[in-house]
Amino acid sequence: MVKKEDLENNSKKRNRKNLMVAGLVIFIIIGIYIISIVRMGA
């Protein structure tokens, strides 16, 4: 049997991981956007 606490801890870890991945993706997209603006302006 899996304890309810273990399930809650696993979901918390998974959510934190998802947030990190989402933040990384957003960071990369913003970086590409800024680089493209600089190239257009230069």
PDB file of N, CA and C in Angstrom:
ATOM      1  N   MET A   1       0.839  -1.216   0.000  1.00  0.00           N
ATOM      2  CA  MET A   1       0.000   0.000   0.000  1.00  0.00           C
ATOM      3  C   MET A   1       0.871   1.263   0.000  1.00  0.00           C
ATOM      4  N   VAL A   2       0.447   2.232  -0.768  1.00  0.00           N
ATOM      5  CA  VAL A   2       1.154   3.517  -0.814  1.00  0.00           C
ATOM      6  C   VAL A   2       0.456   4.483   0.129  1.00  0.00           C
ATOM      7  N   LYS A   3       1.244   5.112   0.976  1.00  0.00           N
ATOM      8  CA  LYS A   3       0.659   6.078   1.923  1.00  0.00           C
ATOM      9  C   LYS A   3       0.217   7.343   1.191  1.00  0.00           C
ATOM     10  N   LYS A   4      -0.805   7.982   1.727  1.00  0.00           N
ATOM     11  CA  LYS A   4      -1.314   9.225   1.126  1.00  0.00           C
ATOM     12  C   LYS A   4      -0.228  10.313   1.173  1.00  0.00           C
ATOM     13  N   GLU A   5       0.533  10.349   2.267  1.00  0.00           N
ATOM     14  CA  GLU A   5       1.598  11.358   2.408  1.00  0.00           C
ATOM     15  C   GLU A   5       2.639  11.219   1.302  1.00  0.00           C
ATOM     16  N   ASP A   6       2.993   9.964   0.983  1.00  0.00           N
ATOM     17  CA  ASP A   6       3.976   9.737  -0.074  1.00  0.00           C
ATOM     18  C   ASP A   6       3.465  10.276  -1.413  1.00  0.00           C
ATOM     19  N   LEU A   7       2.187  10.026  -1.702  1.00  0.00           N
ATOM     20  CA  LEU A   7       1.597  10.523  -2.949  1.00  0.00           C
ATOM     21  C   LEU A   7       1.647  12.048  -2.997  1.00  0.00           C
ATOM     22  N   GLU A   8       1.318  12.698  -1.887  1.00  0.00           N
ATOM     23  CA  GLU A   8       1.339  14.167  -1.835  1.00  0.00           C
ATOM     24  C   GLU A   8       2.755  14.694  -2.034  1.00  0.00           C
ATOM     25  N   ASN A   9       3.741  14.048  -1.410  1.00  0.00           N
ATOM     26  CA  ASN A   9       5.135  14.476  -1.571  1.00  0.00           C
ATOM     27  C   ASN A   9       5.587  14.327  -3.022  1.00  0.00           C
ATOM     28  N   ASN A  10       5.207  13.215  -3.649  1.00  0.00           N
ATOM     29  CA  ASN A  10       5.582  12.990  -5.047  1.00  0.00           C
ATOM     30  C   ASN A  10       4.984  14.062  -5.955  1.00  0.00           C
ATOM     31  N   SER A  11       3.718  14.413  -5.734  1.00  0.00           N
ATOM     32  CA  SER A  11       3.071  15.417  -6.577  1.00  0.00           C
ATOM     33  C   SER A  11       3.716  16.788  -6.370  1.00  0.00           C
ATOM     34  N   LYS A  12       4.125  17.083  -5.127  1.00  0.00           N
ATOM     35  CA  LYS A  12       4.804  18.362  -4.861  1.00  0.00           C
ATOM     36  C   LYS A  12       6.130  18.425  -5.613  1.00  0.00           C
ATOM     37  N   LYS A  13       6.898  17.336  -5.574  1.00  0.00           N
ATOM     38  CA  LYS A  13       8.179  17.292  -6.288  1.00  0.00           C
ATOM     39  C   LYS A  13       7.956  17.454  -7.786  1.00  0.00           C
ATOM     40  N   ARG A  14       6.933  16.766  -8.307  1.00  0.00           N
ATOM     41  CA  ARG A  14       6.642  16.821  -9.741  1.00  0.00           C
ATOM     42  C   ARG A  14       6.252  18.244 -10.144  1.00  0.00           C
ATOM     43  N   ASN A  15       5.425  18.908  -9.320  1.00  0.00           N
ATOM     44  CA  ASN A  15       4.997  20.280  -9.624  1.00  0.00           C
ATOM     45  C   ASN A  15       6.191  21.223  -9.648  1.00  0.00           C
ATOM     46  N   ARG A  16       7.116  21.048  -8.699  1.00  0.00           N
ATOM     47  CA  ARG A  16       8.296  21.907  -8.642  1.00  0.00           C
ATOM     48  C   ARG A  16       9.135  21.700  -9.901  1.00  0.00           C
ATOM     49  N   LYS A  17       9.276  20.437 -10.325  1.00  0.00           N
ATOM     50  CA  LYS A  17      10.047  20.120 -11.525  1.00  0.00           C
ATOM     51  C   LYS A  17       9.393  20.761 -12.746  1.00  0.00           C
ATOM     52  N   ASN A  18       8.057  20.666 -12.835  1.00  0.00           N
ATOM     53  CA  ASN A  18       7.325  21.257 -13.961  1.00  0.00           C
ATOM     54  C   ASN A  18       7.514  22.768 -14.004  1.00  0.00           C
ATOM     55  N   LEU A  19       7.508  23.409 -12.830  1.00  0.00           N
ATOM     56  CA  LEU A  19       7.714  24.862 -12.761  1.00  0.00           C
ATOM     57  C   LEU A  19       9.106  25.223 -13.266  1.00  0.00           C
ATOM     58  N   MET A  20      10.111  24.437 -12.870  1.00  0.00           N
ATOM     59  CA  MET A  20      11.485  24.699 -13.311  1.00  0.00           C
ATOM     60  C   MET A  20      11.591  24.575 -14.826  1.00  0.00           C
ATOM     61  N   VAL A  21      10.975  23.515 -15.381  1.00  0.00           N
ATOM     62  CA  VAL A  21      11.011  23.298 -16.838  1.00  0.00           C
ATOM     63  C   VAL A  21      10.300  24.437 -17.555  1.00  0.00           C
ATOM     64  N   ALA A  22       9.128  24.833 -17.049  1.00  0.00           N
ATOM     65  CA  ALA A  22       8.364  25.922 -17.665  1.00  0.00           C
ATOM     66  C   ALA A  22       9.164  27.222 -17.626  1.00  0.00           C
ATOM     67  N   GLY A  23       9.802  27.499 -16.498  1.00  0.00           N
ATOM     68  CA  GLY A  23      10.623  28.704 -16.360  1.00  0.00           C
ATOM     69  C   GLY A  23      11.770  28.705 -17.352  1.00  0.00           C
ATOM     70  N   LEU A  24      12.395  27.543 -17.521  1.00  0.00           N
ATOM     71  CA  LEU A  24      13.518  27.411 -18.447  1.00  0.00           C
ATOM     72  C   LEU A  24      13.061  27.665 -19.880  1.00  0.00           C
ATOM     73  N   VAL A  25      11.920  27.092 -20.254  1.00  0.00           N
ATOM     74  CA  VAL A  25      11.376  27.267 -21.610  1.00  0.00           C
ATOM     75  C   VAL A  25      11.064  28.739 -21.867  1.00  0.00           C
ATOM     76  N   ILE A  26      10.410  29.392 -20.902  1.00  0.00           N
ATOM     77  CA  ILE A  26      10.071  30.819 -21.037  1.00  0.00           C
ATOM     78  C   ILE A  26      11.346  31.650 -21.170  1.00  0.00           C
ATOM     79  N   PHE A  27      12.358  31.328 -20.355  1.00  0.00           N
ATOM     80  CA  PHE A  27      13.642  32.037 -20.386  1.00  0.00           C
ATOM     81  C   PHE A  27      14.279  31.928 -21.771  1.00  0.00           C
ATOM     82  N   ILE A  28      14.270  30.720 -22.338  1.00  0.00           N
ATOM     83  CA  ILE A  28      14.856  30.495 -23.667  1.00  0.00           C
ATOM     84  C   ILE A  28      14.092  31.282 -24.729  1.00  0.00           C
ATOM     85  N   ILE A  29      12.751  31.250 -24.670  1.00  0.00           N
ATOM     86  CA  ILE A  29      11.921  31.968 -25.653  1.00  0.00           C
ATOM     87  C   ILE A  29      12.202  33.469 -25.585  1.00  0.00           C
ATOM     88  N   ILE A  30      12.269  34.022 -24.368  1.00  0.00           N
ATOM     89  CA  ILE A  30      12.553  35.453 -24.197  1.00  0.00           C
ATOM     90  C   ILE A  30      13.936  35.774 -24.752  1.00  0.00           C
ATOM     91  N   GLY A  31      14.911  34.895 -24.483  1.00  0.00           N
ATOM     92  CA  GLY A  31      16.278  35.099 -24.986  1.00  0.00           C
ATOM     93  C   GLY A  31      16.310  35.153 -26.504  1.00  0.00           C
ATOM     94  N   ILE A  32      15.628  34.225 -27.154  1.00  0.00           N
ATOM     95  CA  ILE A  32      15.572  34.189 -28.624  1.00  0.00           C
ATOM     96  C   ILE A  32      14.899  35.456 -29.151  1.00  0.00           C
ATOM     97  N   TYR A  33      13.824  35.879 -28.474  1.00  0.00           N
ATOM     98  CA  TYR A  33      13.079  37.078 -28.867  1.00  0.00           C
ATOM     99  C   TYR A  33      13.979  38.312 -28.799  1.00  0.00           C
ATOM    100  N   ILE A  34      14.730  38.461 -27.703  1.00  0.00           N
ATOM    101  CA  ILE A  34      15.635  39.607 -27.523  1.00  0.00           C
ATOM    102  C   ILE A  34      16.729  39.581 -28.589  1.00  0.00           C
ATOM    103  N   ILE A  35      17.317  38.405 -28.836  1.00  0.00           N
ATOM    104  CA  ILE A  35      18.385  38.285 -29.839  1.00  0.00           C
ATOM    105  C   ILE A  35      17.859  38.685 -31.217  1.00  0.00           C
ATOM    106  N   SER A  36      16.643  38.241 -31.557  1.00  0.00           N
ATOM    107  CA  SER A  36      16.071  38.570 -32.874  1.00  0.00           C
ATOM    108  C   SER A  36      15.836  40.078 -32.992  1.00  0.00           C
ATOM    109  N   ILE A  37      15.394  40.726 -31.911  1.00  0.00           N
ATOM    110  CA  ILE A  37      15.182  42.186 -31.924  1.00  0.00           C
ATOM    111  C   ILE A  37      16.518  42.903 -32.118  1.00  0.00           C
ATOM    112  N   VAL A  38      17.544  42.459 -31.414  1.00  0.00           N
ATOM    113  CA  VAL A  38      18.875  43.078 -31.526  1.00  0.00           C
ATOM    114  C   VAL A  38      19.404  42.921 -32.954  1.00  0.00           C
ATOM    115  N   ARG A  39      19.210  41.757 -33.545  1.00  0.00           N
ATOM    116  CA  ARG A  39      19.683  41.513 -34.915  1.00  0.00           C
ATOM    117  C   ARG A  39      18.932  42.407 -35.897  1.00  0.00           C
ATOM    118  N   MET A  40      17.621  42.559 -35.712  1.00  0.00           N
ATOM    119  CA  MET A  40      16.816  43.405 -36.595  1.00  0.00           C
ATOM    120  C   MET A  40      17.251  44.862 -36.453  1.00  0.00           C
ATOM    121  N   GLY A  41      17.528  45.280 -35.213  1.00  0.00           N
ATOM    122  CA  GLY A  41      17.907  46.667 -34.943  1.00  0.00           C
ATOM    123  C   GLY A  41      19.313  46.971 -35.425  1.00  0.00           C
ATOM    124  N   ALA A  42      20.200  45.972 -35.366  1.00  0.00           N
ATOM    125  CA  ALA A  42      21.609  46.212 -35.708  1.00  0.00           C
ATOM    126  C   ALA A  42      21.784  46.389 -37.210  1.00  0.00           C
TER     127      ALA A  42
END
